[in-house]
Structure formats: C-alpha cells, structure tokens
Amino acid sequence: MEIERIKDQMYRTFYSDSWDAGSVNEILSGINVEEASSRPLEGRHSIWELMLHMEIWKRVARKALEGEKMGRISPEEDWPPMGDVSEEEWAREVEGLKEEHEALVGAPTHMSDEHLGGTLPRRSYTFYTLLQGVIHHDIYHLGQIAILKDKKE
C-alpha cells in the first residue's frame, strides 16, 4: 500500500540514515542552545527557527489529514520566533518537533490509496502531494540546518 511507503519515507527522513544524508534526528542531536539560536549566515534563519518552521508545516499537514480545512497562515505563524533561549527550552522544542512528527505519521493510518489521490478541500493538490511535500520540506530544511551546523564546527 502506498501510504505505508510514504510513512516509511517519513520515518527514514526523521529517524534513520536515509540514502542521501543524515536524518532530522541525527542532524539535530548534539546541537546546543548557542548553535541553535545563532545566525552564522547574516540575514538567514537560525537552526531553531528552521526547526520551528518544520514543526508548523507538519502540524498544518496533520490537521489537513484529520479533516481540517487548510487556511492561509501568517508570516508570524510560518516563521515563529524563538522562545526563551535556554537549553531547557531548546530541548522542549526539539521534543515538540518529534511529537508533531509522530502525530503526522499516525494521522493517515486508515487512509487508502484511493483517498491519497483525493484533492484536499480548498486546494488544487492531493493528499499524496501534501505528504510528499512534507518529506521534501524536511529534506530541504535539513540541508540548511546541516550547513548552519557545519558553520559552527
């Protein structure tokens, strides 16, 4: 079933060594609050901001899979600011990303291949495209995070 392959790719992107690079979990491990909150490239987002952005879009996708109509999100919602810059808050935010990822992977449990081909309400693309987009989104921002992490090492 296609949904199982999609969930496998989501798992590989987040937790295991994928063929192309490290996983989200692997790349984020070992990043401390200073590295997460700094901006080694002027005018670019921090690792922390990129991670929050990834979490937001996982939530948007999950809610769409649960039947909520996808609306527009504001720039502030799309790129939320870092909260209290502390090791505890950083660890909490990383855990929040993991929890949202798990919730997203669990959302389409009963989805059939036929449902994957259905168009999302108020959108011009399918549930399949949405889920593939989340995977691509993670990989794209994971590359940015890896570059920022390398700048600090």
C-alpha atoms as a PDB file:
ATOM      1  CA  MET A   1       0.000   0.000   0.000  1.00  0.00           C
ATOM      2  CA  GLU A   2       1.344   3.432  -0.955  1.00  0.00           C
ATOM      3  CA  ILE A   3       0.563   5.011   2.419  1.00  0.00           C
ATOM      4  CA  GLU A   4       2.935   2.539   4.071  1.00  0.00           C
ATOM      5  CA  ARG A   5       5.730   3.545   1.692  1.00  0.00           C
ATOM      6  CA  ILE A   6       5.075   7.212   2.433  1.00  0.00           C
ATOM      7  CA  LYS A   7       5.140   6.587   6.188  1.00  0.00           C
ATOM      8  CA  ASP A   8       8.408   4.649   5.725  1.00  0.00           C
ATOM      9  CA  GLN A   9       9.957   7.616   3.917  1.00  0.00           C
ATOM     10  CA  MET A  10       8.750   9.956   6.651  1.00  0.00           C
ATOM     11  CA  TYR A  11      10.337   7.673   9.239  1.00  0.00           C
ATOM     12  CA  ARG A  12      13.615   7.432   7.314  1.00  0.00           C
ATOM     13  CA  THR A  13      13.817  11.184   6.819  1.00  0.00           C
ATOM     14  CA  PHE A  14      13.261  11.839  10.505  1.00  0.00           C
ATOM     15  CA  TYR A  15      14.907   8.951  12.364  1.00  0.00           C
ATOM     16  CA  SER A  16      17.186   6.746  10.311  1.00  0.00           C
ATOM     17  CA  ASP A  17      20.055   7.045   7.929  1.00  0.00           C
ATOM     18  CA  SER A  18      18.498   7.779   4.597  1.00  0.00           C
ATOM     19  CA  TRP A  19      20.462   7.200   1.415  1.00  0.00           C
ATOM     20  CA  ASP A  20      21.086  10.906   0.836  1.00  0.00           C
ATOM     21  CA  ALA A  21      22.098  12.349   4.196  1.00  0.00           C
ATOM     22  CA  GLY A  22      21.597  12.096   7.901  1.00  0.00           C
ATOM     23  CA  SER A  23      18.163  12.170   9.448  1.00  0.00           C
ATOM     24  CA  VAL A  24      16.474  15.127  11.121  1.00  0.00           C
ATOM     25  CA  ASN A  25      17.017  13.446  14.484  1.00  0.00           C
ATOM     26  CA  GLU A  26      20.694  12.783  13.733  1.00  0.00           C
ATOM     27  CA  ILE A  27      21.435  16.297  12.476  1.00  0.00           C
ATOM     28  CA  LEU A  28      19.657  17.948  15.423  1.00  0.00           C
ATOM     29  CA  SER A  29      21.381  15.765  18.015  1.00  0.00           C
ATOM     30  CA  GLY A  30      24.282  17.445  19.689  1.00  0.00           C
ATOM     31  CA  ILE A  31      23.208  20.957  18.739  1.00  0.00           C
ATOM     32  CA  ASN A  32      23.283  23.136  21.842  1.00  0.00           C
ATOM     33  CA  VAL A  33      21.250  26.259  22.514  1.00  0.00           C
ATOM     34  CA  GLU A  34      24.030  28.589  21.340  1.00  0.00           C
ATOM     35  CA  GLU A  35      24.322  26.797  17.997  1.00  0.00           C
ATOM     36  CA  ALA A  36      20.557  26.542  17.631  1.00  0.00           C
ATOM     37  CA  SER A  37      19.893  30.225  18.259  1.00  0.00           C
ATOM     38  CA  SER A  38      22.850  31.787  16.435  1.00  0.00           C
ATOM     39  CA  ARG A  39      22.837  33.143  12.902  1.00  0.00           C
ATOM     40  CA  PRO A  40      26.225  32.312  11.375  1.00  0.00           C
ATOM     41  CA  LEU A  41      24.937  33.483   7.979  1.00  0.00           C
ATOM     42  CA  GLU A  42      23.723  37.065   8.123  1.00  0.00           C
ATOM     43  CA  GLY A  43      20.107  37.565   7.158  1.00  0.00           C
ATOM     44  CA  ARG A  44      19.280  33.849   7.353  1.00  0.00           C
ATOM     45  CA  HIS A  45      17.197  31.889   9.804  1.00  0.00           C
ATOM     46  CA  SER A  46      18.737  30.121  12.777  1.00  0.00           C
ATOM     47  CA  ILE A  47      18.597  26.355  13.242  1.00  0.00           C
ATOM     48  CA  TRP A  48      15.976  26.922  15.920  1.00  0.00           C
ATOM     49  CA  GLU A  49      13.766  28.979  13.590  1.00  0.00           C
ATOM     50  CA  LEU A  50      14.102  26.403  10.808  1.00  0.00           C
ATOM     51  CA  MET A  51      13.091  23.657  13.201  1.00  0.00           C
ATOM     52  CA  LEU A  52      10.032  25.610  14.396  1.00  0.00           C
ATOM     53  CA  HIS A  53       9.054  26.224  10.765  1.00  0.00           C
ATOM     54  CA  MET A  54       9.301  22.496  10.033  1.00  0.00           C
ATOM     55  CA  GLU A  55       7.099  21.756  13.039  1.00  0.00           C
ATOM     56  CA  ILE A  56       4.434  24.235  11.901  1.00  0.00           C
ATOM     57  CA  TRP A  57       4.100  22.617   8.478  1.00  0.00           C
ATOM     58  CA  LYS A  58       3.921  19.141   9.984  1.00  0.00           C
ATOM     59  CA  ARG A  59       1.051  20.420  12.132  1.00  0.00           C
ATOM     60  CA  VAL A  60      -0.708  22.037   9.160  1.00  0.00           C
ATOM     61  CA  ALA A  61      -0.421  18.782   7.188  1.00  0.00           C
ATOM     62  CA  ARG A  62      -1.604  16.664  10.121  1.00  0.00           C
ATOM     63  CA  LYS A  63      -4.651  18.826  10.652  1.00  0.00           C
ATOM     64  CA  ALA A  64      -5.472  18.585   6.940  1.00  0.00           C
ATOM     65  CA  LEU A  65      -5.270  14.792   7.173  1.00  0.00           C
ATOM     66  CA  GLU A  66      -7.604  14.945  10.166  1.00  0.00           C
ATOM     67  CA  GLY A  67     -10.158  16.843   8.082  1.00  0.00           C
ATOM     68  CA  GLU A  68      -9.410  20.446   8.969  1.00  0.00           C
ATOM     69  CA  LYS A  69      -9.530  22.808   6.012  1.00  0.00           C
ATOM     70  CA  MET A  70      -6.149  24.319   5.278  1.00  0.00           C
ATOM     71  CA  GLY A  71      -6.251  28.071   5.518  1.00  0.00           C
ATOM     72  CA  ARG A  72      -3.542  30.610   4.960  1.00  0.00           C
ATOM     73  CA  ILE A  73      -1.053  31.087   7.734  1.00  0.00           C
ATOM     74  CA  SER A  74       0.523  34.402   8.562  1.00  0.00           C
ATOM     75  CA  PRO A  75       4.260  35.055   8.242  1.00  0.00           C
ATOM     76  CA  GLU A  76       4.426  35.083  12.044  1.00  0.00           C
ATOM     77  CA  GLU A  77       2.848  31.620  12.184  1.00  0.00           C
ATOM     78  CA  ASP A  78       5.019  30.367   9.319  1.00  0.00           C
ATOM     79  CA  TRP A  79       8.217  31.558  10.991  1.00  0.00           C
ATOM     80  CA  PRO A  80       7.536  31.683  14.732  1.00  0.00           C
ATOM     81  CA  PRO A  81      10.103  33.417  16.903  1.00  0.00           C
ATOM     82  CA  MET A  82      12.322  31.534  19.299  1.00  0.00           C
ATOM     83  CA  GLY A  83      11.017  31.476  22.833  1.00  0.00           C
ATOM     84  CA  ASP A  84      13.190  31.688  25.909  1.00  0.00           C
ATOM     85  CA  VAL A  85      16.716  30.953  24.657  1.00  0.00           C
ATOM     86  CA  SER A  86      17.775  28.280  27.133  1.00  0.00           C
ATOM     87  CA  GLU A  87      18.929  24.674  26.963  1.00  0.00           C
ATOM     88  CA  GLU A  88      15.653  23.589  28.566  1.00  0.00           C
ATOM     89  CA  GLU A  89      13.528  25.447  26.011  1.00  0.00           C
ATOM     90  CA  TRP A  90      15.646  24.153  23.122  1.00  0.00           C
ATOM     91  CA  ALA A  91      15.239  20.568  24.362  1.00  0.00           C
ATOM     92  CA  ARG A  92      11.490  21.139  24.750  1.00  0.00           C
ATOM     93  CA  GLU A  93      11.203  22.483  21.195  1.00  0.00           C
ATOM     94  CA  VAL A  94      13.165  19.547  19.742  1.00  0.00           C
ATOM     95  CA  GLU A  95      10.838  17.194  21.602  1.00  0.00           C
ATOM     96  CA  GLY A  96       7.854  19.151  20.262  1.00  0.00           C
ATOM     97  CA  LEU A  97       9.082  18.602  16.705  1.00  0.00           C
ATOM     98  CA  LYS A  98       9.400  14.869  17.363  1.00  0.00           C
ATOM     99  CA  GLU A  99       5.910  14.725  18.857  1.00  0.00           C
ATOM    100  CA  GLU A 100       4.400  16.583  15.902  1.00  0.00           C
ATOM    101  CA  HIS A 101       6.240  14.281  13.513  1.00  0.00           C
ATOM    102  CA  GLU A 102       4.841  11.211  15.287  1.00  0.00           C
ATOM    103  CA  ALA A 103       1.343  12.691  15.232  1.00  0.00           C
ATOM    104  CA  LEU A 104       1.646  13.371  11.498  1.00  0.00           C
ATOM    105  CA  VAL A 105       2.888   9.854  10.738  1.00  0.00           C
ATOM    106  CA  GLY A 106      -0.005   8.436  12.763  1.00  0.00           C
ATOM    107  CA  ALA A 107      -2.659  10.637  11.146  1.00  0.00           C
ATOM    108  CA  PRO A 108      -3.102   8.754   7.840  1.00  0.00           C
ATOM    109  CA  THR A 109      -3.230   5.290   9.467  1.00  0.00           C
ATOM    110  CA  HIS A 110      -6.543   4.341   7.880  1.00  0.00           C
ATOM    111  CA  MET A 111      -6.009   6.234   4.621  1.00  0.00           C
ATOM    112  CA  SER A 112      -6.401   4.184   1.463  1.00  0.00           C
ATOM    113  CA  ASP A 113      -4.507   4.675  -1.779  1.00  0.00           C
ATOM    114  CA  GLU A 114      -7.758   5.933  -3.259  1.00  0.00           C
ATOM    115  CA  HIS A 115      -8.001   8.590  -0.537  1.00  0.00           C
ATOM    116  CA  LEU A 116      -4.389   9.621  -1.188  1.00  0.00           C
ATOM    117  CA  GLY A 117      -5.458  10.585  -4.711  1.00  0.00           C
ATOM    118  CA  GLY A 118      -8.247  12.818  -3.406  1.00  0.00           C
ATOM    119  CA  THR A 119      -7.894  16.574  -3.564  1.00  0.00           C
ATOM    120  CA  LEU A 120      -7.652  18.500  -0.317  1.00  0.00           C
ATOM    121  CA  PRO A 121     -10.537  20.869   0.384  1.00  0.00           C
ATOM    122  CA  ARG A 122      -9.766  24.413  -0.837  1.00  0.00           C
ATOM    123  CA  ARG A 123      -6.574  23.225  -2.546  1.00  0.00           C
ATOM    124  CA  SER A 124      -5.611  22.064  -6.032  1.00  0.00           C
ATOM    125  CA  TYR A 125      -3.404  19.170  -4.923  1.00  0.00           C
ATOM    126  CA  THR A 126      -3.878  15.712  -3.484  1.00  0.00           C
ATOM    127  CA  PHE A 127      -3.219  14.220  -0.060  1.00  0.00           C
ATOM    128  CA  TYR A 128      -0.391  12.278  -1.727  1.00  0.00           C
ATOM    129  CA  THR A 129       1.202  15.545  -2.875  1.00  0.00           C
ATOM    130  CA  LEU A 130       0.782  17.008   0.612  1.00  0.00           C
ATOM    131  CA  LEU A 131       2.578  14.096   2.287  1.00  0.00           C
ATOM    132  CA  GLN A 132       5.353  14.003  -0.303  1.00  0.00           C
ATOM    133  CA  GLY A 133       5.683  17.762   0.155  1.00  0.00           C
ATOM    134  CA  VAL A 134       6.225  17.344   3.897  1.00  0.00           C
ATOM    135  CA  ILE A 135       9.035  14.874   3.210  1.00  0.00           C
ATOM    136  CA  HIS A 136      10.649  17.221   0.664  1.00  0.00           C
ATOM    137  CA  HIS A 137      10.190  20.170   3.024  1.00  0.00           C
ATOM    138  CA  ASP A 138      12.013  18.318   5.799  1.00  0.00           C
ATOM    139  CA  ILE A 139      14.878  17.361   3.495  1.00  0.00           C
ATOM    140  CA  TYR A 140      15.201  20.908   2.143  1.00  0.00           C
ATOM    141  CA  HIS A 141      15.389  22.492   5.585  1.00  0.00           C
ATOM    142  CA  LEU A 142      17.539  19.653   6.903  1.00  0.00           C
ATOM    143  CA  GLY A 143      20.138  20.660   4.319  1.00  0.00           C
ATOM    144  CA  GLN A 144      20.013  24.230   5.584  1.00  0.00           C
ATOM    145  CA  ILE A 145      20.387  23.052   9.181  1.00  0.00           C
ATOM    146  CA  ALA A 146      23.365  20.862   8.238  1.00  0.00           C
ATOM    147  CA  ILE A 147      25.077  23.832   6.583  1.00  0.00           C
ATOM    148  CA  LEU A 148      24.479  26.042   9.629  1.00  0.00           C
ATOM    149  CA  LYS A 149      25.705  23.274  11.937  1.00  0.00           C
ATOM    150  CA  ASP A 150      28.875  22.886   9.831  1.00  0.00           C
ATOM    151  CA  LYS A 151      29.490  26.662  10.027  1.00  0.00           C
ATOM    152  CA  LYS A 152      29.676  26.342  13.807  1.00  0.00           C
ATOM    153  CA  GLU A 153      32.061  23.351  13.852  1.00  0.00           C
END
